[in-house]
N, C-alpha and C. Protein backbone atom coordinates (compact mmCIF):
# COMPACT_ATOMS: atom_id res chain seq x y z
N MET A 1 27.15 63.06 -180.70
CA MET A 1 27.16 61.77 -181.34
C MET A 1 28.08 62.01 -182.33
N LYS A 2 28.74 60.64 -182.96
CA LYS A 2 29.71 60.60 -183.49
C LYS A 2 29.04 60.00 -184.87
N LYS A 3 29.45 60.66 -186.25
CA LYS A 3 29.19 60.15 -187.15
C LYS A 3 29.53 58.85 -187.78
N VAL A 4 28.51 58.21 -188.10
CA VAL A 4 28.77 56.86 -188.81
C VAL A 4 29.44 56.60 -189.69
N ILE A 5 30.58 55.50 -189.97
CA ILE A 5 31.06 55.67 -191.10
C ILE A 5 30.60 54.17 -192.02
N ASN A 6 30.00 54.89 -192.98
CA ASN A 6 29.41 53.39 -193.78
C ASN A 6 30.71 53.02 -194.87
N ILE A 7 30.69 51.58 -195.22
CA ILE A 7 31.61 51.44 -195.75
C ILE A 7 31.10 50.81 -197.00
N THR A 8 31.48 51.37 -197.94
CA THR A 8 30.84 51.29 -199.74
C THR A 8 32.09 50.64 -200.06
N PRO A 9 31.16 50.31 -201.69
CA PRO A 9 32.32 49.76 -202.72
C PRO A 9 33.63 50.67 -203.23
N SER A 10 33.15 51.81 -203.05
CA SER A 10 34.29 52.80 -203.66
C SER A 10 35.38 53.14 -202.60
N LEU A 11 35.01 52.86 -201.38
CA LEU A 11 35.55 53.05 -200.09
C LEU A 11 36.43 51.85 -199.79
N VAL A 12 36.03 50.73 -200.04
CA VAL A 12 36.71 49.34 -199.99
C VAL A 12 37.72 49.19 -200.93
N ARG A 13 37.52 49.92 -202.67
CA ARG A 13 38.76 50.19 -203.67
C ARG A 13 39.66 50.99 -203.43
N MET A 14 39.09 52.29 -202.80
CA MET A 14 40.16 53.41 -202.29
C MET A 14 41.31 52.94 -201.44
N PHE A 15 40.88 51.98 -200.51
CA PHE A 15 41.36 51.27 -199.41
C PHE A 15 42.67 50.51 -200.24
N TYR A 16 41.95 49.56 -200.81
CA TYR A 16 43.22 48.80 -201.90
C TYR A 16 43.92 49.54 -202.88
N VAL A 17 43.63 50.33 -203.24
CA VAL A 17 44.48 51.44 -204.04
C VAL A 17 45.37 52.23 -203.06
N TYR A 18 45.02 52.73 -201.78
CA TYR A 18 45.93 53.98 -201.42
C TYR A 18 46.23 53.56 -199.67
N GLY A 19 45.71 52.20 -199.44
CA GLY A 19 45.61 51.95 -197.97
C GLY A 19 47.53 52.18 -197.55
N LYS A 20 47.85 51.58 -198.44
CA LYS A 20 49.58 51.45 -197.86
C LYS A 20 50.16 52.96 -197.97
N LEU A 21 49.77 53.93 -198.02
CA LEU A 21 49.95 55.41 -198.09
C LEU A 21 49.57 55.87 -196.60
N LEU A 22 48.96 55.02 -196.13
CA LEU A 22 48.37 55.61 -194.55
C LEU A 22 49.38 55.21 -193.71
N PRO A 23 49.85 56.10 -192.26
CA PRO A 23 50.72 55.73 -191.45
C PRO A 23 50.40 54.06 -190.95
N GLU A 24 51.13 53.36 -190.43
CA GLU A 24 51.17 51.96 -190.12
C GLU A 24 49.61 51.88 -189.18
N LYS A 25 49.63 52.34 -188.19
CA LYS A 25 48.78 52.49 -186.94
C LYS A 25 47.50 52.43 -187.84
N THR A 26 47.31 53.71 -188.72
CA THR A 26 45.85 53.96 -189.08
C THR A 26 45.72 53.11 -190.06
N TYR A 27 46.57 52.77 -190.82
CA TYR A 27 46.55 51.28 -191.98
C TYR A 27 45.88 50.30 -191.30
N HIS A 28 46.34 49.90 -190.16
CA HIS A 28 45.95 48.43 -189.71
C HIS A 28 44.52 48.69 -188.57
N ARG A 29 44.72 49.84 -188.40
CA ARG A 29 42.97 50.07 -187.87
C ARG A 29 41.95 50.17 -189.08
N THR A 30 42.13 50.84 -189.65
CA THR A 30 41.18 51.11 -191.13
C THR A 30 41.20 49.53 -191.76
N TYR A 31 42.01 48.92 -192.00
CA TYR A 31 41.92 47.41 -192.68
C TYR A 31 41.00 46.77 -191.89
N LEU A 32 40.93 46.53 -190.34
CA LEU A 32 40.12 46.05 -189.81
C LEU A 32 38.91 46.59 -189.59
N TYR A 33 38.70 47.59 -190.05
CA TYR A 33 37.24 47.93 -190.08
C TYR A 33 36.86 47.80 -191.31
N ILE A 34 37.61 48.14 -192.60
CA ILE A 34 36.76 47.69 -193.69
C ILE A 34 36.98 46.23 -194.33
N VAL A 35 37.81 46.00 -194.15
CA VAL A 35 38.07 44.71 -194.73
C VAL A 35 37.98 43.56 -193.52
N GLU A 36 37.91 43.76 -192.71
CA GLU A 36 37.72 42.10 -191.72
C GLU A 36 36.25 42.74 -190.80
N ASP A 37 35.68 43.57 -191.08
CA ASP A 37 34.58 43.83 -190.37
C ASP A 37 34.50 43.67 -188.92
N LEU A 38 35.43 44.32 -188.05
CA LEU A 38 35.53 44.63 -187.06
C LEU A 38 35.03 45.77 -186.47
N SER A 39 34.16 45.69 -185.59
CA SER A 39 33.62 47.06 -184.89
C SER A 39 34.84 48.00 -184.17
N ILE A 40 34.59 49.05 -184.14
CA ILE A 40 35.16 50.06 -183.48
C ILE A 40 35.54 49.62 -182.03
N SER A 41 34.88 48.80 -181.00
CA SER A 41 34.84 48.70 -180.11
C SER A 41 35.66 47.56 -180.07
N GLU A 42 35.83 46.76 -180.73
CA GLU A 42 36.40 45.57 -181.09
C GLU A 42 37.90 45.88 -181.30
N ILE A 43 38.21 46.64 -182.31
CA ILE A 43 39.78 47.14 -182.70
C ILE A 43 40.34 47.96 -181.14
N ALA A 44 39.53 48.61 -180.96
CA ALA A 44 39.66 49.30 -179.62
C ALA A 44 40.46 48.26 -178.64
N ILE A 45 39.19 47.40 -178.15
CA ILE A 45 39.66 46.30 -176.89
C ILE A 45 41.27 45.79 -177.27
N ASN A 46 41.30 45.24 -178.82
CA ASN A 46 42.41 44.73 -179.04
C ASN A 46 43.45 45.49 -179.63
N GLU A 47 43.20 46.79 -179.64
CA GLU A 47 44.93 47.33 -179.34
C GLU A 47 44.67 48.48 -178.48
N LYS A 48 43.87 48.11 -177.31
CA LYS A 48 44.22 48.69 -176.10
C LYS A 48 44.30 50.37 -175.98
N ILE A 49 43.11 51.00 -176.85
CA ILE A 49 42.91 52.24 -176.48
C ILE A 49 41.48 52.77 -176.64
N SER A 50 41.27 53.47 -176.74
CA SER A 50 40.16 54.10 -176.38
C SER A 50 39.05 54.10 -177.63
N ARG A 51 37.88 54.00 -177.40
CA ARG A 51 37.17 54.06 -178.55
C ARG A 51 37.12 54.93 -179.14
N ALA A 52 37.11 56.27 -178.99
CA ALA A 52 37.30 57.56 -179.48
C ALA A 52 38.64 57.68 -180.10
N CYS A 53 39.63 57.30 -179.70
CA CYS A 53 41.12 57.30 -180.48
C CYS A 53 40.70 56.23 -181.44
N CYS A 54 40.20 55.45 -181.43
CA CYS A 54 39.84 53.78 -182.59
C CYS A 54 39.35 54.78 -183.60
N TYR A 55 38.26 55.38 -183.25
CA TYR A 55 37.54 56.17 -184.34
C TYR A 55 37.96 57.43 -185.25
N GLU A 56 38.74 57.98 -184.12
CA GLU A 56 39.40 58.92 -185.06
C GLU A 56 40.55 58.78 -186.08
N SER A 57 41.28 57.71 -185.66
CA SER A 57 42.13 56.89 -186.19
C SER A 57 41.66 56.34 -187.53
N ILE A 58 40.66 55.87 -187.39
CA ILE A 58 39.96 55.29 -188.56
C ILE A 58 39.45 56.49 -189.83
N LEU A 59 38.85 57.29 -189.30
CA LEU A 59 38.16 58.53 -189.75
C LEU A 59 39.27 59.19 -190.51
N SER A 60 40.32 59.55 -189.50
CA SER A 60 41.01 60.46 -190.35
C SER A 60 41.91 59.23 -191.45
N GLY A 61 42.03 58.25 -191.54
CA GLY A 61 42.81 57.03 -192.53
C GLY A 61 41.58 57.41 -193.45
N ILE A 62 40.34 57.51 -193.68
CA ILE A 62 39.21 57.07 -194.60
C ILE A 62 39.34 58.85 -195.47
N ASN A 63 39.54 59.68 -194.17
CA ASN A 63 39.70 61.02 -195.14
C ASN A 63 40.74 60.97 -196.10
N LYS A 64 41.72 60.60 -195.59
CA LYS A 64 43.11 60.27 -196.42
C LYS A 64 42.73 59.64 -197.30
N LEU A 65 42.18 58.47 -197.67
CA LEU A 65 41.76 57.91 -198.44
C LEU A 65 41.06 58.61 -199.80
N GLU A 66 40.26 59.61 -199.29
CA GLU A 66 39.41 60.32 -200.10
C GLU A 66 39.90 61.17 -200.74
N TYR A 67 41.01 62.17 -199.76
CA TYR A 67 41.95 62.92 -200.47
C TYR A 67 42.52 62.44 -201.56
N TYR A 68 43.54 61.22 -201.25
CA TYR A 68 44.14 60.74 -202.38
C TYR A 68 43.20 60.48 -203.58
N GLU A 69 42.05 60.20 -203.65
CA GLU A 69 41.37 59.88 -204.57
C GLU A 69 41.06 61.12 -205.27
N GLU A 70 40.58 61.99 -204.50
CA GLU A 70 40.24 63.20 -204.98
C GLU A 70 41.39 63.82 -206.25
N LYS A 71 42.55 63.64 -205.31
CA LYS A 71 43.74 64.41 -206.09
C LYS A 71 44.21 63.57 -207.47
N LEU A 72 44.20 62.30 -206.93
CA LEU A 72 44.87 61.26 -207.86
C LEU A 72 43.63 60.57 -209.12
N GLY A 73 42.94 60.10 -208.34
CA GLY A 73 41.72 59.52 -209.08
C GLY A 73 42.15 58.23 -209.83
N LEU A 74 42.94 57.55 -209.09
CA LEU A 74 43.18 56.25 -209.47
C LEU A 74 42.40 55.11 -209.38
N SER A 75 41.57 55.36 -208.04
CA SER A 75 40.62 54.26 -207.98
C SER A 75 39.67 54.02 -209.02
N ASP A 76 38.77 55.37 -209.40
CA ASP A 76 38.03 55.64 -210.53
C ASP A 76 38.49 55.17 -211.90
N LYS A 77 39.45 55.69 -212.32
CA LYS A 77 40.34 55.14 -213.31
C LYS A 77 40.31 53.34 -213.16
N ILE A 78 40.71 53.08 -212.68
CA ILE A 78 41.19 51.36 -212.32
C ILE A 78 39.39 50.50 -212.64
N ASN A 79 38.72 51.42 -211.74
CA ASN A 79 36.93 50.84 -211.99
C ASN A 79 36.38 51.13 -213.25
N ARG A 80 37.09 52.03 -214.29
CA ARG A 80 36.41 52.35 -215.14
C ARG A 80 37.05 51.73 -216.41
N LEU A 81 38.50 51.19 -215.78
CA LEU A 81 39.01 50.13 -216.84
C LEU A 81 38.48 49.19 -216.64
N TYR A 82 38.11 48.14 -215.32
CA TYR A 82 37.65 47.29 -215.22
C TYR A 82 36.16 47.31 -216.09
N GLU A 83 35.45 48.21 -215.85
CA GLU A 83 34.27 48.37 -216.51
C GLU A 83 34.46 48.25 -218.26
N CYS A 84 35.32 48.66 -219.01
CA CYS A 84 35.78 48.91 -220.44
C CYS A 84 36.21 47.34 -220.68
N VAL A 85 37.11 46.89 -219.74
CA VAL A 85 37.44 45.76 -220.32
C VAL A 85 36.47 44.49 -220.18
N SER A 86 35.31 44.44 -219.15
CA SER A 86 34.83 43.39 -218.92
C SER A 86 33.93 43.45 -219.93
N CYS A 87 33.66 44.72 -220.76
CA CYS A 87 32.64 44.62 -221.96
C CYS A 87 33.56 44.32 -223.33
N TYR A 88 34.48 44.13 -223.22
CA TYR A 88 35.39 43.89 -224.36
C TYR A 88 34.58 43.19 -225.62
N ASN A 89 34.11 42.02 -225.25
CA ASN A 89 33.46 41.26 -226.07
C ASN A 89 32.29 42.28 -227.41
N GLU A 90 31.84 43.02 -226.48
CA GLU A 90 30.96 43.72 -227.36
C GLU A 90 31.21 45.08 -227.98
N LYS A 91 32.75 45.23 -227.63
CA LYS A 91 33.32 46.00 -228.79
C LYS A 91 34.47 45.72 -229.57
N SER A 92 34.60 46.40 -230.22
CA SER A 92 36.01 46.33 -231.44
C SER A 92 37.23 46.72 -230.78
N ALA A 93 38.01 46.08 -231.41
CA ALA A 93 39.74 46.46 -230.44
C ALA A 93 39.88 47.72 -230.73
N ASP A 94 39.56 48.78 -231.40
CA ASP A 94 39.98 49.67 -231.64
C ASP A 94 39.11 50.38 -230.79
N LYS A 95 38.03 50.29 -230.79
CA LYS A 95 37.04 51.14 -229.73
C LYS A 95 37.54 50.55 -228.33
N LEU A 96 37.93 49.58 -227.91
CA LEU A 96 38.46 49.42 -226.77
C LEU A 96 39.82 50.62 -226.33
N ILE A 97 40.47 50.54 -227.32
CA ILE A 97 41.85 51.07 -227.02
C ILE A 97 41.57 52.77 -227.05
N GLN A 98 40.55 53.19 -227.75
CA GLN A 98 40.29 54.29 -227.61
C GLN A 98 39.21 54.65 -226.32
N ASP A 99 38.78 53.90 -225.88
CA ASP A 99 37.97 53.94 -224.53
C ASP A 99 39.24 54.07 -223.23
N ILE A 100 40.26 53.03 -223.55
CA ILE A 100 41.30 52.87 -222.60
C ILE A 100 42.50 54.06 -222.40
N ASN A 101 42.35 54.83 -223.69
CA ASN A 101 43.43 55.64 -223.41
C ASN A 101 42.54 56.99 -223.11
N GLU A 102 41.11 57.02 -223.36
CA GLU A 102 40.80 58.03 -222.68
C GLU A 102 40.89 58.38 -221.09
N ILE A 103 40.64 57.04 -220.77
CA ILE A 103 40.59 56.76 -219.19
C ILE A 103 41.72 57.28 -218.80
N MET A 104 42.72 56.87 -219.45
CA MET A 104 44.31 57.02 -218.80
C MET A 104 45.07 58.56 -219.32
N GLU A 105 43.89 58.91 -219.68
CA GLU A 105 44.46 60.77 -219.56
C GLU A 105 44.51 61.30 -218.41
N PHE A 106 45.90 61.77 -218.10
CA PHE A 106 46.19 62.82 -216.92
C PHE A 106 45.38 63.88 -216.83
């Protein structure tokens, strides 16, 4: 039995940050699955490929997205920046700048 692919907010964020690094077909299939919410069967029928091939392509794309995030951490940094800036009214400008500088350290 194949592993179920769970779509999480962090996976969606990773797709938007790193998706264009994926090979074209993998990007397209992963996009349809994550963003357009099509099933593996629907994608396979539209692409005229087997469900197994479609599943492996999407899983490969997701694994690459997770690898990029593990190595680069950009999606997490973007999320932390968003959280930091969204509470700007509650912080002084100096504290906000300090928090942003801490997040952006590589």
